[in-house]
Amino acid sequence: MSLLNTHTISLFVTNAPGVLSRISAVFARRAFNIDSLVVSPALDGKFSRMTITAVGDSKSLDQIIKQCSKLIDVISAQEYDGISILEKELALIKIKTSDKYRTEVLQVIQHIKATTIDLNDEAVVIQLTGNSEDLDSSIAMVEKYGIIEIVRTGKVLMTKGTDKT
């Protein structure tokens, strides 16, 4: 029996129409749900870096990586598990702020090292950056005040040292 794990996959692809569609079809055929997807152009704009976070079994993931690698627009595809990487995620969180709890909310925001980017009588919007687990624990700390909305970017990663991602 295979265990379902969270996997982070990085793909280096040509920056062309339809590439994302073909890659997501590979995931769909293997019944892998994409939890987060970040796509951005590489240095010269001819290529893009895709970082995909998905949950599923390792055996299916190996097949997905092999199938993605065979796509004409995919230059490289790799899972980053156990490799020395830097990973970050950004979250914007809108929290209710009543007169009763405003000072307490602002103290918690300072404690979790978030940045306040908007504040009014009814709500505060904060910006958090860090790894996914840090964001999850910070969100848990502010939940009791009432979260109105959360927007997360998904994970981005880069290998440490001089090796290219």
C-alpha atoms as a PDB file:
ATOM      1  CA  MET A   1       0.000   0.000   0.000  1.00  0.00           C
ATOM      2  CA  SER A   2       1.408   3.383  -1.024  1.00  0.00           C
ATOM      3  CA  LEU A   3       1.434   6.310   1.351  1.00  0.00           C
ATOM      4  CA  LEU A   4       0.289   9.709   0.150  1.00  0.00           C
ATOM      5  CA  ASN A   5       2.932  12.377   0.633  1.00  0.00           C
ATOM      6  CA  THR A   6       3.386  15.988  -0.355  1.00  0.00           C
ATOM      7  CA  HIS A   7       5.845  16.340  -3.219  1.00  0.00           C
ATOM      8  CA  THR A   8       7.531  19.422  -4.679  1.00  0.00           C
ATOM      9  CA  ILE A   9       8.400  19.196  -8.345  1.00  0.00           C
ATOM     10  CA  SER A  10      10.338  21.761 -10.347  1.00  0.00           C
ATOM     11  CA  LEU A  11      10.072  21.895 -14.127  1.00  0.00           C
ATOM     12  CA  PHE A  12      12.117  24.026 -16.489  1.00  0.00           C
ATOM     13  CA  VAL A  13      10.008  24.538 -19.613  1.00  0.00           C
ATOM     14  CA  THR A  14       9.844  26.594 -22.776  1.00  0.00           C
ATOM     15  CA  ASN A  15       7.741  29.710 -22.323  1.00  0.00           C
ATOM     16  CA  ALA A  16       5.040  28.832 -24.872  1.00  0.00           C
ATOM     17  CA  PRO A  17       1.243  28.573 -25.028  1.00  0.00           C
ATOM     18  CA  GLY A  18      -0.229  25.205 -24.013  1.00  0.00           C
ATOM     19  CA  VAL A  19       2.714  23.978 -21.914  1.00  0.00           C
ATOM     20  CA  LEU A  20       0.829  24.274 -18.622  1.00  0.00           C
ATOM     21  CA  SER A  21      -2.177  22.475 -20.093  1.00  0.00           C
ATOM     22  CA  ARG A  22      -0.076  19.524 -21.256  1.00  0.00           C
ATOM     23  CA  ILE A  23       1.688  19.247 -17.901  1.00  0.00           C
ATOM     24  CA  SER A  24      -1.529  19.434 -15.871  1.00  0.00           C
ATOM     25  CA  ALA A  25      -3.012  16.711 -18.105  1.00  0.00           C
ATOM     26  CA  VAL A  26      -0.158  14.384 -17.083  1.00  0.00           C
ATOM     27  CA  PHE A  27      -1.015  14.981 -13.416  1.00  0.00           C
ATOM     28  CA  ALA A  28      -4.746  14.478 -14.047  1.00  0.00           C
ATOM     29  CA  ARG A  29      -4.214  11.165 -15.867  1.00  0.00           C
ATOM     30  CA  ARG A  30      -2.413   9.838 -12.774  1.00  0.00           C
ATOM     31  CA  ALA A  31      -5.112  11.198 -10.405  1.00  0.00           C
ATOM     32  CA  PHE A  32      -2.637  13.600  -8.765  1.00  0.00           C
ATOM     33  CA  ASN A  33      -4.177  16.804  -7.503  1.00  0.00           C
ATOM     34  CA  ILE A  34      -1.998  19.897  -7.856  1.00  0.00           C
ATOM     35  CA  ASP A  35      -2.104  21.750  -4.524  1.00  0.00           C
ATOM     36  CA  SER A  36      -0.083  24.748  -5.637  1.00  0.00           C
ATOM     37  CA  LEU A  37       1.466  25.906  -8.860  1.00  0.00           C
ATOM     38  CA  VAL A  38       3.875  28.783  -9.358  1.00  0.00           C
ATOM     39  CA  VAL A  39       5.086  29.723 -12.841  1.00  0.00           C
ATOM     40  CA  SER A  40       7.499  32.516 -13.620  1.00  0.00           C
ATOM     41  CA  PRO A  41       9.749  33.407 -16.545  1.00  0.00           C
ATOM     42  CA  ALA A  42      13.432  32.506 -16.305  1.00  0.00           C
ATOM     43  CA  LEU A  43      16.222  35.006 -16.911  1.00  0.00           C
ATOM     44  CA  ASP A  44      15.858  35.395 -20.667  1.00  0.00           C
ATOM     45  CA  GLY A  45      12.061  35.023 -20.982  1.00  0.00           C
ATOM     46  CA  LYS A  46      12.363  32.098 -23.441  1.00  0.00           C
ATOM     47  CA  PHE A  47      11.943  29.614 -20.598  1.00  0.00           C
ATOM     48  CA  SER A  48       9.868  29.390 -17.421  1.00  0.00           C
ATOM     49  CA  ARG A  49      10.299  27.720 -14.061  1.00  0.00           C
ATOM     50  CA  MET A  50       7.281  25.807 -12.706  1.00  0.00           C
ATOM     51  CA  THR A  51       7.112  24.739  -9.087  1.00  0.00           C
ATOM     52  CA  ILE A  52       4.314  22.278  -8.402  1.00  0.00           C
ATOM     53  CA  THR A  53       3.246  20.962  -5.024  1.00  0.00           C
ATOM     54  CA  ALA A  54       1.089  17.845  -5.191  1.00  0.00           C
ATOM     55  CA  VAL A  55      -0.113  15.064  -2.895  1.00  0.00           C
ATOM     56  CA  GLY A  56       0.076  11.444  -3.962  1.00  0.00           C
ATOM     57  CA  ASP A  57       2.110   8.276  -3.828  1.00  0.00           C
ATOM     58  CA  SER A  58       5.790   8.230  -4.778  1.00  0.00           C
ATOM     59  CA  LYS A  59       5.408   5.541  -7.453  1.00  0.00           C
ATOM     60  CA  SER A  60       2.860   7.600  -9.400  1.00  0.00           C
ATOM     61  CA  LEU A  61       4.996  10.695  -8.944  1.00  0.00           C
ATOM     62  CA  ASP A  62       7.993   8.944 -10.521  1.00  0.00           C
ATOM     63  CA  GLN A  63       5.815   8.148 -13.546  1.00  0.00           C
ATOM     64  CA  ILE A  64       4.578  11.744 -13.721  1.00  0.00           C
ATOM     65  CA  ILE A  65       8.142  13.078 -13.721  1.00  0.00           C
ATOM     66  CA  LYS A  66       9.146  10.607 -16.448  1.00  0.00           C
ATOM     67  CA  GLN A  67       6.100  11.492 -18.564  1.00  0.00           C
ATOM     68  CA  CYS A  68       6.641  15.242 -18.090  1.00  0.00           C
ATOM     69  CA  SER A  69      10.304  14.831 -19.067  1.00  0.00           C
ATOM     70  CA  LYS A  70       9.184  13.325 -22.379  1.00  0.00           C
ATOM     71  CA  LEU A  71       7.043  16.356 -23.281  1.00  0.00           C
ATOM     72  CA  ILE A  72       8.688  18.398 -26.014  1.00  0.00           C
ATOM     73  CA  ASP A  73       8.499  21.698 -24.093  1.00  0.00           C
ATOM     74  CA  VAL A  74       9.970  20.308 -20.858  1.00  0.00           C
ATOM     75  CA  ILE A  75      13.717  20.832 -20.532  1.00  0.00           C
ATOM     76  CA  SER A  76      13.977  19.229 -17.086  1.00  0.00           C
ATOM     77  CA  ALA A  77      11.681  17.835 -14.397  1.00  0.00           C
ATOM     78  CA  GLN A  78      12.786  16.894 -10.905  1.00  0.00           C
ATOM     79  CA  GLU A  79      11.362  16.284  -7.458  1.00  0.00           C
ATOM     80  CA  TYR A  80      13.112  18.141  -4.684  1.00  0.00           C
ATOM     81  CA  ASP A  81      12.982  15.703  -1.790  1.00  0.00           C
ATOM     82  CA  GLY A  82      15.998  15.461   0.457  1.00  0.00           C
ATOM     83  CA  ILE A  83      17.953  17.897  -1.734  1.00  0.00           C
ATOM     84  CA  SER A  84      19.404  20.994  -0.109  1.00  0.00           C
ATOM     85  CA  ILE A  85      16.957  23.714  -1.169  1.00  0.00           C
ATOM     86  CA  LEU A  86      15.661  27.083  -0.123  1.00  0.00           C
ATOM     87  CA  GLU A  87      11.886  27.311  -0.179  1.00  0.00           C
ATOM     88  CA  LYS A  88       9.548  30.183   0.524  1.00  0.00           C
ATOM     89  CA  GLU A  89       5.880  30.983   0.282  1.00  0.00           C
ATOM     90  CA  LEU A  90       4.000  34.263   0.612  1.00  0.00           C
ATOM     91  CA  ALA A  91       0.613  34.712   2.264  1.00  0.00           C
ATOM     92  CA  LEU A  92      -1.677  37.713   2.598  1.00  0.00           C
ATOM     93  CA  ILE A  93      -4.099  37.330   5.501  1.00  0.00           C
ATOM     94  CA  LYS A  94      -7.037  39.584   6.324  1.00  0.00           C
ATOM     95  CA  ILE A  95      -7.951  39.411  10.028  1.00  0.00           C
ATOM     96  CA  LYS A  96     -10.905  40.964  11.877  1.00  0.00           C
ATOM     97  CA  THR A  97      -9.849  43.679  14.321  1.00  0.00           C
ATOM     98  CA  SER A  98     -12.376  44.833  16.862  1.00  0.00           C
ATOM     99  CA  ASP A  99     -11.565  47.517  19.435  1.00  0.00           C
ATOM    100  CA  LYS A 100     -11.462  44.767  22.079  1.00  0.00           C
ATOM    101  CA  TYR A 101      -8.690  42.721  20.435  1.00  0.00           C
ATOM    102  CA  ARG A 102      -6.841  45.197  18.168  1.00  0.00           C
ATOM    103  CA  THR A 103      -3.805  45.594  20.467  1.00  0.00           C
ATOM    104  CA  GLU A 104      -3.598  41.843  21.026  1.00  0.00           C
ATOM    105  CA  VAL A 105      -3.846  41.120  17.293  1.00  0.00           C
ATOM    106  CA  LEU A 106      -1.083  43.642  16.548  1.00  0.00           C
ATOM    107  CA  GLN A 107       1.141  42.040  19.212  1.00  0.00           C
ATOM    108  CA  VAL A 108       0.626  38.579  17.694  1.00  0.00           C
ATOM    109  CA  ILE A 109       1.404  39.994  14.239  1.00  0.00           C
ATOM    110  CA  GLN A 110       4.652  41.411  15.595  1.00  0.00           C
ATOM    111  CA  HIS A 111       5.479  38.097  17.323  1.00  0.00           C
ATOM    112  CA  ILE A 112       5.054  36.045  14.125  1.00  0.00           C
ATOM    113  CA  LYS A 113       7.207  38.598  12.263  1.00  0.00           C
ATOM    114  CA  ALA A 114       4.476  39.513   9.799  1.00  0.00           C
ATOM    115  CA  THR A 115       4.266  42.850   8.036  1.00  0.00           C
ATOM    116  CA  THR A 116       1.112  44.932   8.359  1.00  0.00           C
ATOM    117  CA  ILE A 117       0.190  46.186   4.901  1.00  0.00           C
ATOM    118  CA  ASP A 118      -3.302  47.574   5.564  1.00  0.00           C
ATOM    119  CA  LEU A 119      -5.081  48.511   8.784  1.00  0.00           C
ATOM    120  CA  ASN A 120      -8.494  50.023   9.409  1.00  0.00           C
ATOM    121  CA  ASP A 121     -11.139  49.907  12.153  1.00  0.00           C
ATOM    122  CA  GLU A 122     -12.513  46.539  11.040  1.00  0.00           C
ATOM    123  CA  ALA A 123      -9.585  44.563   9.623  1.00  0.00           C
ATOM    124  CA  VAL A 124      -5.850  44.242   9.233  1.00  0.00           C
ATOM    125  CA  VAL A 125      -4.065  42.708   6.250  1.00  0.00           C
ATOM    126  CA  ILE A 126      -0.720  41.106   6.976  1.00  0.00           C
ATOM    127  CA  GLN A 127       2.010  39.685   4.786  1.00  0.00           C
ATOM    128  CA  LEU A 128       3.880  36.546   5.835  1.00  0.00           C
ATOM    129  CA  THR A 129       6.797  34.848   4.150  1.00  0.00           C
ATOM    130  CA  GLY A 130       8.445  31.592   5.116  1.00  0.00           C
ATOM    131  CA  ASN A 131       8.215  27.885   4.528  1.00  0.00           C
ATOM    132  CA  SER A 132       4.762  26.312   4.311  1.00  0.00           C
ATOM    133  CA  GLU A 133       4.894  24.892   7.845  1.00  0.00           C
ATOM    134  CA  ASP A 134       5.775  28.304   9.336  1.00  0.00           C
ATOM    135  CA  LEU A 135       2.877  29.917   7.487  1.00  0.00           C
ATOM    136  CA  ASP A 136       0.506  27.186   8.683  1.00  0.00           C
ATOM    137  CA  SER A 137       1.522  27.691  12.330  1.00  0.00           C
ATOM    138  CA  SER A 138       1.281  31.491  12.040  1.00  0.00           C
ATOM    139  CA  ILE A 139      -2.189  31.200  10.518  1.00  0.00           C
ATOM    140  CA  ALA A 140      -3.219  28.947  13.432  1.00  0.00           C
ATOM    141  CA  MET A 141      -2.090  31.679  15.855  1.00  0.00           C
ATOM    142  CA  VAL A 142      -4.358  34.342  14.317  1.00  0.00           C
ATOM    143  CA  GLU A 143      -7.379  32.116  13.578  1.00  0.00           C
ATOM    144  CA  LYS A 144      -9.024  32.822  16.934  1.00  0.00           C
ATOM    145  CA  TYR A 145      -9.430  36.508  15.992  1.00  0.00           C
ATOM    146  CA  GLY A 146     -11.359  35.647  12.838  1.00  0.00           C
ATOM    147  CA  ILE A 147      -9.726  35.307   9.465  1.00  0.00           C
ATOM    148  CA  ILE A 148     -11.715  37.013   6.724  1.00  0.00           C
ATOM    149  CA  GLU A 149      -9.559  35.909   3.791  1.00  0.00           C
ATOM    150  CA  ILE A 150      -6.251  34.206   2.950  1.00  0.00           C
ATOM    151  CA  VAL A 151      -4.345  34.293  -0.331  1.00  0.00           C
ATOM    152  CA  ARG A 152      -1.204  32.134  -0.645  1.00  0.00           C
ATOM    153  CA  THR A 153       1.267  32.047  -3.505  1.00  0.00           C
ATOM    154  CA  GLY A 154       2.345  28.448  -3.257  1.00  0.00           C
ATOM    155  CA  LYS A 155       5.881  27.277  -2.782  1.00  0.00           C
ATOM    156  CA  VAL A 156       8.885  28.556  -4.732  1.00  0.00           C
ATOM    157  CA  LEU A 157      12.258  26.902  -4.380  1.00  0.00           C
ATOM    158  CA  MET A 158      15.885  27.147  -5.390  1.00  0.00           C
ATOM    159  CA  THR A 159      18.812  24.826  -4.780  1.00  0.00           C
ATOM    160  CA  LYS A 160      21.539  26.033  -2.434  1.00  0.00           C
ATOM    161  CA  GLY A 161      25.039  26.711  -3.674  1.00  0.00           C
ATOM    162  CA  THR A 162      26.013  27.081  -7.310  1.00  0.00           C
ATOM    163  CA  ASP A 163      23.913  24.222  -8.748  1.00  0.00           C
ATOM    164  CA  LYS A 164      21.004  25.357 -10.915  1.00  0.00           C
ATOM    165  CA  THR A 165      17.521  24.412  -9.790  1.00  0.00           C
END
